[in-house]
């Protein structure tokens, strides 16, 4: 029997289950094995979906790192034709997420891979930014070292200018303020910078401004989930 691997999105903001389609629950119920980034929050998420879910009915595996043990367990579950769920810590599995390594194994094994609809901070921020949605790239985290970070921002800005490409990136929440400061120092006056904060949460906002406009009213981003975009004109 061919195994089925469900890619199960989760919330970006705890409790914001209204963003999730009802069919996720059917997929969760179909699974017997779950590979998750964080078991504690995954268990809490499933209970938020449906209090009647029996958490201990599932075989649980932590996929934060693709250890030989995790790889073996995943391959064995597929070999047995089981329905497997991959569950991220936030957003969509396989997108800026360790789940992609398991999905690659599933593709190699010829399993049925079913991506399910759910919130992606990358796409939500791009949608609301007013920037080029025809050509964009997500580059993950920028370098931490100050000189390398500025060099990276200039390179992204130059590429955006040449290709009219939207550049999307993230930062550890406690360094958000510092990243915005560096962007404002480094980017050209006409470059647009978008910051999307607390997406799907009650305090959500998405704003696109030039460096001068941002300096006139700097937001407090410390420890708030945020995603950054830039587009150089």
Protein backbone atom coordinates (compact mmCIF):
# COMPACT_ATOMS: atom_id res chain seq x y z
CA UNK A 1 0.00 0.00 0.00
CA UNK A 2 1.31 3.43 -0.98
CA UNK A 3 2.02 5.74 1.95
CA UNK A 4 0.40 9.18 2.12
CA UNK A 5 2.30 12.12 3.60
CA UNK A 6 0.12 15.06 4.65
CA UNK A 7 1.80 18.45 4.98
CA UNK A 8 -0.27 19.99 7.77
CA UNK A 9 0.00 23.77 8.25
CA UNK A 10 -0.37 25.28 11.67
CA UNK A 11 -1.08 28.74 13.04
CA UNK A 12 1.28 31.71 12.83
CA UNK A 13 -0.23 33.22 15.97
CA UNK A 14 -1.26 30.93 18.82
CA UNK A 15 -5.00 30.44 18.90
CA UNK A 16 -5.63 31.88 15.41
CA UNK A 17 -7.27 28.68 14.18
CA UNK A 18 -9.86 30.67 12.21
CA UNK A 19 -7.18 30.96 9.49
CA UNK A 20 -7.18 27.20 8.93
CA UNK A 21 -9.51 25.30 6.59
CA UNK A 22 -11.82 22.66 8.07
CA UNK A 23 -10.31 19.87 6.00
CA UNK A 24 -7.12 19.94 8.08
CA UNK A 25 -8.99 18.07 10.78
CA UNK A 26 -9.83 15.24 8.37
CA UNK A 27 -6.14 14.95 7.44
CA UNK A 28 -5.06 14.89 11.09
CA UNK A 29 -7.58 12.16 11.84
CA UNK A 30 -6.35 10.13 8.86
CA UNK A 31 -2.79 10.06 10.20
CA UNK A 32 -1.32 7.49 12.55
CA UNK A 33 2.22 8.90 12.67
CA UNK A 34 3.25 12.54 13.20
CA UNK A 35 6.64 14.11 12.53
CA UNK A 36 6.73 17.49 14.25
CA UNK A 37 9.18 20.31 14.90
CA UNK A 38 8.07 20.73 18.52
CA UNK A 39 5.96 18.04 20.17
CA UNK A 40 4.69 20.22 23.02
CA UNK A 41 3.27 22.95 20.78
CA UNK A 42 2.07 20.40 18.21
CA UNK A 43 0.05 18.59 20.89
CA UNK A 44 -1.43 21.91 22.04
CA UNK A 45 -2.29 22.80 18.45
CA UNK A 46 -4.12 19.52 17.82
CA UNK A 47 -6.16 20.02 20.99
CA UNK A 48 -7.06 23.52 19.78
CA UNK A 49 -8.30 22.00 16.53
CA UNK A 50 -10.46 19.43 18.29
CA UNK A 51 -10.59 18.68 22.01
CA UNK A 52 -11.72 15.12 21.23
CA UNK A 53 -8.48 14.19 19.44
CA UNK A 54 -6.70 11.45 21.41
CA UNK A 55 -3.12 12.69 21.34
CA UNK A 56 -1.60 9.41 22.47
CA UNK A 57 -3.16 7.52 19.55
CA UNK A 58 -0.37 8.92 17.36
CA UNK A 59 3.23 7.80 17.09
CA UNK A 60 5.24 11.00 17.67
CA UNK A 61 8.66 11.85 16.20
CA UNK A 62 10.68 15.07 16.54
CA UNK A 63 11.92 16.14 13.09
CA UNK A 64 13.82 19.29 14.12
CA UNK A 65 16.95 17.47 13.01
CA UNK A 66 17.01 14.66 10.48
CA UNK A 67 18.90 12.21 12.68
CA UNK A 68 19.46 8.61 11.50
CA UNK A 69 16.73 7.55 13.95
CA UNK A 70 14.19 10.01 12.50
CA UNK A 71 15.11 9.04 8.95
CA UNK A 72 14.72 5.34 9.74
CA UNK A 73 11.36 5.88 11.46
CA UNK A 74 10.06 7.90 8.51
CA UNK A 75 11.20 5.36 5.92
CA UNK A 76 9.69 2.53 7.97
CA UNK A 77 6.35 4.30 8.27
CA UNK A 78 6.28 4.81 4.51
CA UNK A 79 7.28 1.19 3.90
CA UNK A 80 4.30 0.11 6.03
CA UNK A 81 1.98 2.28 3.92
CA UNK A 82 0.94 4.48 6.82
CA UNK A 83 -0.67 7.91 6.65
CA UNK A 84 1.95 10.32 7.97
CA UNK A 85 1.55 13.93 9.05
CA UNK A 86 4.34 16.52 8.93
CA UNK A 87 3.63 19.47 11.21
CA UNK A 88 5.69 22.67 11.41
CA UNK A 89 6.25 24.90 14.40
CA UNK A 90 4.47 27.74 12.52
CA UNK A 91 3.05 28.12 9.05
CA UNK A 92 3.52 25.62 6.24
CA UNK A 93 5.71 22.50 6.38
CA UNK A 94 8.58 22.43 3.92
CA UNK A 95 8.75 26.22 3.49
CA UNK A 96 11.65 27.68 5.49
CA UNK A 97 11.22 24.58 7.61
CA UNK A 98 13.04 21.31 8.39
CA UNK A 99 10.07 19.32 7.05
CA UNK A 100 11.47 19.73 3.53
CA UNK A 101 14.04 17.00 4.25
CA UNK A 102 11.31 14.48 5.01
CA UNK A 103 9.31 15.59 1.99
CA UNK A 104 12.38 14.92 -0.18
CA UNK A 105 12.54 11.38 1.24
CA UNK A 106 8.83 10.93 0.53
CA UNK A 107 9.31 12.01 -3.08
CA UNK A 108 12.25 9.65 -3.52
CA UNK A 109 10.16 6.78 -2.11
CA UNK A 110 7.23 7.50 -4.42
CA UNK A 111 4.82 8.26 -1.58
CA UNK A 112 1.72 10.38 -2.16
CA UNK A 113 2.53 13.88 -0.87
CA UNK A 114 -0.49 16.05 -0.08
CA UNK A 115 0.22 19.75 0.66
CA UNK A 116 -2.66 21.34 2.57
CA UNK A 117 -3.72 24.97 2.58
CA UNK A 118 -2.76 27.19 5.51
CA UNK A 119 -1.17 30.53 6.42
CA UNK A 120 2.33 31.31 5.12
CA UNK A 121 3.93 34.45 6.55
CA UNK A 122 6.00 34.82 3.37
CA UNK A 123 2.97 34.95 1.08
CA UNK A 124 0.77 36.96 3.45
CA UNK A 125 3.45 39.63 3.84
CA UNK A 126 4.08 39.74 0.08
CA UNK A 127 0.35 40.04 -0.64
CA UNK A 128 -0.02 43.01 1.69
CA UNK A 129 3.25 44.78 0.81
CA UNK A 130 2.28 46.23 -2.55
CA UNK A 131 5.62 44.99 -3.90
CA UNK A 132 6.30 42.84 -6.96
CA UNK A 133 4.45 39.54 -6.54
CA UNK A 134 5.50 38.35 -10.01
CA UNK A 135 9.16 38.06 -9.11
CA UNK A 136 10.36 37.58 -5.54
CA UNK A 137 12.72 35.51 -3.43
CA UNK A 138 12.86 34.44 0.19
CA UNK A 139 16.43 34.50 1.50
CA UNK A 140 15.87 33.44 5.12
CA UNK A 141 18.15 35.00 7.74
CA UNK A 142 20.72 37.66 6.91
CA UNK A 143 24.27 37.45 8.33
CA UNK A 144 24.62 38.52 11.99
CA UNK A 145 28.01 40.24 11.72
CA UNK A 146 27.48 43.96 11.04
CA UNK A 147 29.75 44.31 8.02
CA UNK A 148 28.49 41.14 6.37
CA UNK A 149 24.89 42.13 7.08
CA UNK A 150 25.29 45.50 5.36
CA UNK A 151 27.05 43.83 2.44
CA UNK A 152 24.19 41.34 2.13
CA UNK A 153 21.54 44.09 2.22
CA UNK A 154 23.34 46.07 -0.50
CA UNK A 155 23.56 42.95 -2.67
CA UNK A 156 19.85 42.22 -2.22
CA UNK A 157 19.00 45.84 -2.96
CA UNK A 158 21.12 45.81 -6.14
CA UNK A 159 19.51 42.59 -7.31
CA UNK A 160 16.06 44.02 -6.60
CA UNK A 161 16.91 47.14 -8.61
CA UNK A 162 18.23 45.14 -11.57
CA UNK A 163 15.41 42.56 -11.69
CA UNK A 164 12.53 44.48 -10.06
CA UNK A 165 12.56 41.58 -7.59
CA UNK A 166 11.02 41.69 -4.10
CA UNK A 167 13.45 40.44 -1.44
CA UNK A 168 11.94 38.73 1.62
CA UNK A 169 13.82 37.84 4.82
CA UNK A 170 13.40 37.26 8.54
CA UNK A 171 15.21 37.78 11.82
CA UNK A 172 15.18 36.31 15.31
CA UNK A 173 12.44 38.36 17.06
CA UNK A 174 14.76 39.85 19.69
CA UNK A 175 16.94 41.34 16.91
CA UNK A 176 14.11 42.85 14.83
CA UNK A 177 14.76 46.44 15.94
CA UNK A 178 18.45 46.18 15.06
CA UNK A 179 17.66 44.78 11.61
CA UNK A 180 15.29 47.63 10.82
CA UNK A 181 17.91 50.14 11.97
CA UNK A 182 20.52 48.62 9.63
CA UNK A 183 18.05 48.59 6.74
CA UNK A 184 17.33 52.28 7.25
CA UNK A 185 21.06 53.12 7.35
CA UNK A 186 21.97 50.96 4.37
CA UNK A 187 19.16 51.23 1.83
CA UNK A 188 18.87 53.99 -0.77
CA UNK A 189 16.31 56.77 -0.08
CA UNK A 190 13.89 55.52 -2.75
CA UNK A 191 13.97 51.86 -1.68
CA UNK A 192 10.69 50.63 -0.21
CA UNK A 193 10.90 48.59 3.01
CA UNK A 194 7.94 46.59 4.25
CA UNK A 195 7.56 45.18 7.76
CA UNK A 196 4.76 42.68 8.51
CA UNK A 197 4.16 42.05 12.22
CA UNK A 198 2.02 39.55 14.16
CA UNK A 199 0.42 38.17 11.00
CA UNK A 200 -3.05 36.65 11.64
CA UNK A 201 -2.91 37.89 15.25
CA UNK A 202 -5.04 40.63 16.85
CA UNK A 203 -2.11 43.11 16.75
CA UNK A 204 -1.29 42.46 13.08
CA UNK A 205 -0.04 45.25 10.87
CA UNK A 206 1.79 45.49 7.52
CA UNK A 207 3.39 48.78 6.44
CA UNK A 208 5.50 49.72 3.41
CA UNK A 209 7.57 52.90 3.64
CA UNK A 210 10.78 54.55 2.49
CA UNK A 211 13.68 54.80 4.97
CA UNK A 212 12.83 58.45 5.72
CA UNK A 213 9.19 57.60 6.39
CA UNK A 214 10.20 54.79 8.77
CA UNK A 215 12.59 57.10 10.66
CA UNK A 216 9.73 59.55 11.24
CA UNK A 217 7.83 56.89 13.19
CA UNK A 218 9.89 53.91 14.31
CA UNK A 219 7.85 50.93 15.53
CA UNK A 220 8.74 48.72 18.48
CA UNK A 221 9.43 45.26 17.05
CA UNK A 222 11.26 43.61 19.94
CA UNK A 223 10.20 39.96 20.37
CA UNK A 224 7.31 40.33 17.92
CA UNK A 225 7.07 37.85 15.01
CA UNK A 226 7.99 39.90 11.92
CA UNK A 227 8.94 39.46 8.30
CA UNK A 228 10.81 42.02 6.21
CA UNK A 229 10.63 42.86 2.51
CA UNK A 230 12.43 45.35 0.32
CA UNK A 231 12.02 46.55 -3.25
CA UNK A 232 14.47 48.95 -4.85
CA UNK A 233 13.06 51.31 -7.44
